[in-house]
PDB file of N, CA and C in Angstrom:
ATOM      1  N   MET A   1       0.864  -1.131  -0.041  1.00  0.00           N
ATOM      2  CA  MET A   1      -0.012   0.080  -0.157  1.00  0.00           C
ATOM      3  C   MET A   1       0.845   1.210  -0.088  1.00  0.00           C
ATOM      4  N   ASN A   2       0.560   2.282  -0.754  1.00  0.00           N
ATOM      5  CA  ASN A   2       1.445   3.426  -1.023  1.00  0.00           C
ATOM      6  C   ASN A   2       1.042   4.428   0.388  1.00  0.00           C
ATOM      7  N   THR A   3       1.958   5.334   0.601  1.00  0.00           N
ATOM      8  CA  THR A   3       1.753   6.031   1.701  1.00  0.00           C
ATOM      9  C   THR A   3       0.674   7.059   1.420  1.00  0.00           C
ATOM     10  N   LEU A   4      -0.249   7.590   2.212  1.00  0.00           N
ATOM     11  CA  LEU A   4      -1.233   8.483   2.083  1.00  0.00           C
ATOM     12  C   LEU A   4      -0.611   9.758   2.459  1.00  0.00           C
ATOM     13  N   GLN A   5      -0.765  10.698   1.483  1.00  0.00           N
ATOM     14  CA  GLN A   5      -0.249  12.022   1.631  1.00  0.00           C
ATOM     15  C   GLN A   5      -1.250  12.993   2.194  1.00  0.00           C
ATOM     16  N   ILE A   6      -1.253  13.569   3.307  1.00  0.00           N
ATOM     17  CA  ILE A   6      -2.282  14.369   3.953  1.00  0.00           C
ATOM     18  C   ILE A   6      -1.780  15.572   4.054  1.00  0.00           C
ATOM     19  N   LEU A   7      -2.592  16.842   3.786  1.00  0.00           N
ATOM     20  CA  LEU A   7      -2.195  18.194   4.021  1.00  0.00           C
ATOM     21  C   LEU A   7      -3.464  18.559   5.198  1.00  0.00           C
ATOM     22  N   LEU A   8      -2.951  18.950   6.187  1.00  0.00           N
ATOM     23  CA  LEU A   8      -3.890  19.493   7.277  1.00  0.00           C
ATOM     24  C   LEU A   8      -3.865  21.026   7.388  1.00  0.00           C
ATOM     25  N   VAL A   9      -4.730  21.728   7.210  1.00  0.00           N
ATOM     26  CA  VAL A   9      -4.923  23.066   7.385  1.00  0.00           C
ATOM     27  C   VAL A   9      -5.370  23.383   8.728  1.00  0.00           C
ATOM     28  N   GLU A  10      -4.500  23.854   9.714  1.00  0.00           N
ATOM     29  CA  GLU A  10      -5.016  23.982  11.061  1.00  0.00           C
ATOM     30  C   GLU A  10      -4.051  24.859  11.769  1.00  0.00           C
ATOM     31  N   ASP A  11      -4.630  25.908  12.490  1.00  0.00           N
ATOM     32  CA  ASP A  11      -3.823  26.926  13.358  1.00  0.00           C
ATOM     33  C   ASP A  11      -3.729  26.645  14.807  1.00  0.00           C
ATOM     34  N   ASN A  12      -4.518  25.610  15.143  1.00  0.00           N
ATOM     35  CA  ASN A  12      -4.632  25.208  16.624  1.00  0.00           C
ATOM     36  C   ASN A  12      -3.549  24.071  16.970  1.00  0.00           C
ATOM     37  N   PRO A  13      -2.351  24.409  17.817  1.00  0.00           N
ATOM     38  CA  PRO A  13      -1.354  23.430  18.019  1.00  0.00           C
ATOM     39  C   PRO A  13      -2.010  22.173  18.547  1.00  0.00           C
ATOM     40  N   GLY A  14      -2.960  22.383  19.555  1.00  0.00           N
ATOM     41  CA  GLY A  14      -3.598  21.170  20.136  1.00  0.00           C
ATOM     42  C   GLY A  14      -4.338  20.338  19.264  1.00  0.00           C
ATOM     43  N   ASP A  15      -5.097  20.868  18.163  1.00  0.00           N
ATOM     44  CA  ASP A  15      -5.742  20.161  17.306  1.00  0.00           C
ATOM     45  C   ASP A  15      -4.727  19.321  16.307  1.00  0.00           C
ATOM     46  N   ILE A  16      -3.622  20.049  15.939  1.00  0.00           N
ATOM     47  CA  ILE A  16      -2.511  19.385  15.123  1.00  0.00           C
ATOM     48  C   ILE A  16      -2.119  18.030  15.906  1.00  0.00           C
ATOM     49  N   ARG A  17      -1.803  18.297  17.174  1.00  0.00           N
ATOM     50  CA  ARG A  17      -1.342  17.351  18.128  1.00  0.00           C
ATOM     51  C   ARG A  17      -2.270  16.179  18.046  1.00  0.00           C
ATOM     52  N   LEU A  18      -3.631  16.505  18.239  1.00  0.00           N
ATOM     53  CA  LEU A  18      -4.681  15.398  18.392  1.00  0.00           C
ATOM     54  C   LEU A  18      -4.672  14.785  16.918  1.00  0.00           C
ATOM     55  N   THR A  19      -4.521  15.358  15.883  1.00  0.00           N
ATOM     56  CA  THR A  19      -4.704  14.649  14.638  1.00  0.00           C
ATOM     57  C   THR A  19      -3.548  13.695  14.462  1.00  0.00           C
ATOM     58  N   LYS A  20      -2.354  14.213  14.824  1.00  0.00           N
ATOM     59  CA  LYS A  20      -1.231  13.344  14.708  1.00  0.00           C
ATOM     60  C   LYS A  20      -1.391  12.097  15.519  1.00  0.00           C
ATOM     61  N   GLU A  21      -1.946  12.173  16.662  1.00  0.00           N
ATOM     62  CA  GLU A  21      -2.298  11.150  17.736  1.00  0.00           C
ATOM     63  C   GLU A  21      -3.130  10.127  17.116  1.00  0.00           C
ATOM     64  N   ALA A  22      -4.231  10.688  16.328  1.00  0.00           N
ATOM     65  CA  ALA A  22      -5.182   9.913  15.817  1.00  0.00           C
ATOM     66  C   ALA A  22      -4.708   9.032  14.558  1.00  0.00           C
ATOM     67  N   LEU A  23      -3.867   9.580  13.724  1.00  0.00           N
ATOM     68  CA  LEU A  23      -3.281   9.018  12.676  1.00  0.00           C
ATOM     69  C   LEU A  23      -2.375   7.994  13.080  1.00  0.00           C
ATOM     70  N   LYS A  24      -1.825   8.029  14.211  1.00  0.00           N
ATOM     71  CA  LYS A  24      -0.806   6.747  14.677  1.00  0.00           C
ATOM     72  C   LYS A  24      -1.654   5.628  14.897  1.00  0.00           C
ATOM     73  N   GLN A  25      -2.979   5.679  15.174  1.00  0.00           N
ATOM     74  CA  GLN A  25      -3.783   4.574  15.418  1.00  0.00           C
ATOM     75  C   GLN A  25      -4.335   3.845  14.036  1.00  0.00           C
ATOM     76  N   TYR A  26      -4.134   4.590  12.901  1.00  0.00           N
ATOM     77  CA  TYR A  26      -4.501   4.423  11.546  1.00  0.00           C
ATOM     78  C   TYR A  26      -3.565   3.191  10.934  1.00  0.00           C
ATOM     79  N   GLU A  27      -3.994   2.232  10.548  1.00  0.00           N
ATOM     80  CA  GLU A  27      -3.135   1.084  10.102  1.00  0.00           C
ATOM     81  C   GLU A  27      -2.144   1.493   8.781  1.00  0.00           C
ATOM     82  N   ALA A  28      -2.810   2.280   7.972  1.00  0.00           N
ATOM     83  CA  ALA A  28      -2.067   2.686   6.745  1.00  0.00           C
ATOM     84  C   ALA A  28      -1.015   3.547   7.075  1.00  0.00           C
ATOM     85  N   LYS A  29       0.118   3.562   6.115  1.00  0.00           N
ATOM     86  CA  LYS A  29       1.252   4.531   6.268  1.00  0.00           C
ATOM     87  C   LYS A  29       0.743   6.000   5.754  1.00  0.00           C
ATOM     88  N   THR A  30       1.045   6.890   6.709  1.00  0.00           N
ATOM     89  CA  THR A  30       0.641   8.159   6.357  1.00  0.00           C
ATOM     90  C   THR A  30       1.801   9.251   6.379  1.00  0.00           C
ATOM     91  N   THR A  31       1.656  10.357   5.754  1.00  0.00           N
ATOM     92  CA  THR A  31       2.685  11.476   5.722  1.00  0.00           C
ATOM     93  C   THR A  31       1.668  12.765   6.034  1.00  0.00           C
ATOM     94  N   LEU A  32       1.813  13.166   7.045  1.00  0.00           N
ATOM     95  CA  LEU A  32       1.112  14.627   7.378  1.00  0.00           C
ATOM     96  C   LEU A  32       1.771  15.715   7.243  1.00  0.00           C
ATOM     97  N   GLN A  33       1.389  16.602   6.344  1.00  0.00           N
ATOM     98  CA  GLN A  33       1.853  17.946   6.254  1.00  0.00           C
ATOM     99  C   GLN A  33       0.890  18.975   6.828  1.00  0.00           C
ATOM    100  N   VAL A  34       1.400  19.908   7.518  1.00  0.00           N
ATOM    101  CA  VAL A  34       0.673  20.805   8.327  1.00  0.00           C
ATOM    102  C   VAL A  34       1.047  22.317   7.882  1.00  0.00           C
ATOM    103  N   VAL A  35      -0.056  23.116   7.393  1.00  0.00           N
ATOM    104  CA  VAL A  35       0.029  24.412   7.432  1.00  0.00           C
ATOM    105  C   VAL A  35      -1.127  25.068   8.146  1.00  0.00           C
ATOM    106  N   THR A  36      -0.782  26.376   8.362  1.00  0.00           N
ATOM    107  CA  THR A  36      -1.602  27.047   9.429  1.00  0.00           C
ATOM    108  C   THR A  36      -2.678  27.984   8.853  1.00  0.00           C
ATOM    109  N   ASP A  37      -2.727  28.172   7.646  1.00  0.00           N
ATOM    110  CA  ASP A  37      -3.772  29.095   7.216  1.00  0.00           C
ATOM    111  C   ASP A  37      -4.045  28.840   5.583  1.00  0.00           C
ATOM    112  N   GLY A  38      -5.085  29.463   4.966  1.00  0.00           N
ATOM    113  CA  GLY A  38      -5.481  29.186   3.743  1.00  0.00           C
ATOM    114  C   GLY A  38      -4.513  29.615   2.762  1.00  0.00           C
ATOM    115  N   GLU A  39      -3.803  30.842   3.107  1.00  0.00           N
ATOM    116  CA  GLU A  39      -2.717  31.243   2.175  1.00  0.00           C
ATOM    117  C   GLU A  39      -1.576  30.224   1.829  1.00  0.00           C
ATOM    118  N   GLN A  40      -1.095  29.615   3.135  1.00  0.00           N
ATOM    119  CA  GLN A  40      -0.149  28.710   3.069  1.00  0.00           C
ATOM    120  C   GLN A  40      -0.647  27.440   2.329  1.00  0.00           C
ATOM    121  N   ALA A  41      -1.994  27.190   2.414  1.00  0.00           N
ATOM    122  CA  ALA A  41      -2.362  25.839   1.823  1.00  0.00           C
ATOM    123  C   ALA A  41      -2.347  26.040   0.237  1.00  0.00           C
ATOM    124  N   LEU A  42      -2.915  27.284  -0.149  1.00  0.00           N
ATOM    125  CA  LEU A  42      -2.753  27.498  -1.464  1.00  0.00           C
ATOM    126  C   LEU A  42      -1.324  27.436  -2.097  1.00  0.00           C
ATOM    127  N   ARG A  43      -0.389  27.983  -1.510  1.00  0.00           N
ATOM    128  CA  ARG A  43       1.099  27.978  -1.823  1.00  0.00           C
ATOM    129  C   ARG A  43       1.499  26.611  -1.830  1.00  0.00           C
ATOM    130  N   TYR A  44       1.184  25.752  -0.780  1.00  0.00           N
ATOM    131  CA  TYR A  44       1.476  24.351  -0.669  1.00  0.00           C
ATOM    132  C   TYR A  44       1.011  23.647  -1.927  1.00  0.00           C
ATOM    133  N   LEU A  45      -0.390  23.743  -2.208  1.00  0.00           N
ATOM    134  CA  LEU A  45      -0.995  23.010  -3.353  1.00  0.00           C
ATOM    135  C   LEU A  45      -0.435  23.513  -4.781  1.00  0.00           C
ATOM    136  N   ASN A  46       0.070  24.751  -4.885  1.00  0.00           N
ATOM    137  CA  ASN A  46       0.506  25.260  -6.079  1.00  0.00           C
ATOM    138  C   ASN A  46       2.031  25.019  -6.131  1.00  0.00           C
ATOM    139  N   LYS A  47       2.594  24.666  -5.195  1.00  0.00           N
ATOM    140  CA  LYS A  47       4.075  24.299  -4.973  1.00  0.00           C
ATOM    141  C   LYS A  47       4.821  25.639  -5.184  1.00  0.00           C
ATOM    142  N   GLU A  48       4.488  26.700  -4.578  1.00  0.00           N
ATOM    143  CA  GLU A  48       5.076  28.058  -4.613  1.00  0.00           C
ATOM    144  C   GLU A  48       5.896  28.233  -3.434  1.00  0.00           C
ATOM    145  N   GLY A  49       7.032  29.243  -3.672  1.00  0.00           N
ATOM    146  CA  GLY A  49       7.876  29.648  -2.662  1.00  0.00           C
ATOM    147  C   GLY A  49       8.418  28.520  -1.736  1.00  0.00           C
ATOM    148  N   GLU A  50       8.348  28.546  -0.571  1.00  0.00           N
ATOM    149  CA  GLU A  50       8.945  27.498   0.409  1.00  0.00           C
ATOM    150  C   GLU A  50       8.346  25.985   0.270  1.00  0.00           C
ATOM    151  N   PHE A  51       7.405  26.034  -0.474  1.00  0.00           N
ATOM    152  CA  PHE A  51       6.635  24.688  -0.808  1.00  0.00           C
ATOM    153  C   PHE A  51       7.025  24.175  -2.243  1.00  0.00           C
ATOM    154  N   ASN A  52       7.981  24.693  -2.947  1.00  0.00           N
ATOM    155  CA  ASN A  52       8.216  24.292  -4.212  1.00  0.00           C
ATOM    156  C   ASN A  52       8.598  22.901  -4.421  1.00  0.00           C
ATOM    157  N   GLN A  53       9.079  22.162  -3.298  1.00  0.00           N
ATOM    158  CA  GLN A  53       9.230  20.654  -3.373  1.00  0.00           C
ATOM    159  C   GLN A  53       8.252  19.842  -2.680  1.00  0.00           C
ATOM    160  N   ALA A  54       6.897  20.428  -2.485  1.00  0.00           N
ATOM    161  CA  ALA A  54       5.936  19.825  -1.670  1.00  0.00           C
ATOM    162  C   ALA A  54       5.289  18.658  -2.501  1.00  0.00           C
ATOM    163  N   THR A  55       4.815  17.660  -1.776  1.00  0.00           N
ATOM    164  CA  THR A  55       4.269  16.513  -2.531  1.00  0.00           C
ATOM    165  C   THR A  55       2.868  16.792  -2.605  1.00  0.00           C
ATOM    166  N   THR A  56       2.194  16.349  -3.504  1.00  0.00           N
ATOM    167  CA  THR A  56       0.757  16.582  -3.837  1.00  0.00           C
ATOM    168  C   THR A  56      -0.028  15.504  -2.831  1.00  0.00           C
ATOM    169  N   PRO A  57      -0.853  16.227  -1.963  1.00  0.00           N
ATOM    170  CA  PRO A  57      -1.504  15.254  -1.099  1.00  0.00           C
ATOM    171  C   PRO A  57      -2.814  14.582  -1.675  1.00  0.00           C
ATOM    172  N   ILE A  58      -2.921  13.579  -1.139  1.00  0.00           N
ATOM    173  CA  ILE A  58      -4.153  12.846  -1.673  1.00  0.00           C
ATOM    174  C   ILE A  58      -5.489  13.348  -0.773  1.00  0.00           C
ATOM    175  N   TYR A  59      -5.434  13.636   0.302  1.00  0.00           N
ATOM    176  CA  TYR A  59      -6.249  14.193   1.052  1.00  0.00           C
ATOM    177  C   TYR A  59      -5.897  15.717   1.564  1.00  0.00           C
ATOM    178  N   CYS A  60      -6.985  16.516   1.784  1.00  0.00           N
ATOM    179  CA  CYS A  60      -6.580  17.988   2.181  1.00  0.00           C
ATOM    180  C   CYS A  60      -7.834  18.163   3.259  1.00  0.00           C
ATOM    181  N   PHE A  61      -7.385  18.433   4.554  1.00  0.00           N
ATOM    182  CA  PHE A  61      -8.489  18.656   5.581  1.00  0.00           C
ATOM    183  C   PHE A  61      -8.176  20.082   6.064  1.00  0.00           C
ATOM    184  N   LEU A  62      -9.461  20.733   5.948  1.00  0.00           N
ATOM    185  CA  LEU A  62      -9.377  22.071   6.527  1.00  0.00           C
ATOM    186  C   LEU A  62     -10.272  22.065   7.935  1.00  0.00           C
ATOM    187  N   ILE A  63      -9.598  22.385   8.985  1.00  0.00           N
ATOM    188  CA  ILE A  63     -10.362  22.130  10.131  1.00  0.00           C
ATOM    189  C   ILE A  63     -10.576  23.400  10.811  1.00  0.00           C
TER     190      ILE A  63
END
């Protein structure tokens, strides 16, 4: 099974930590990338600036 590439858009450190803990319970291999706002998310998805080497996520969660 391939690694699931997940982009999490979340500005609350506690929610980020909870998401990471929840994913540890998931049996599939996952890679979680975190950005803290919509502007960063768009730069990430468009591979702009500091995200020019970003992987394309399979899932994107806005919390």
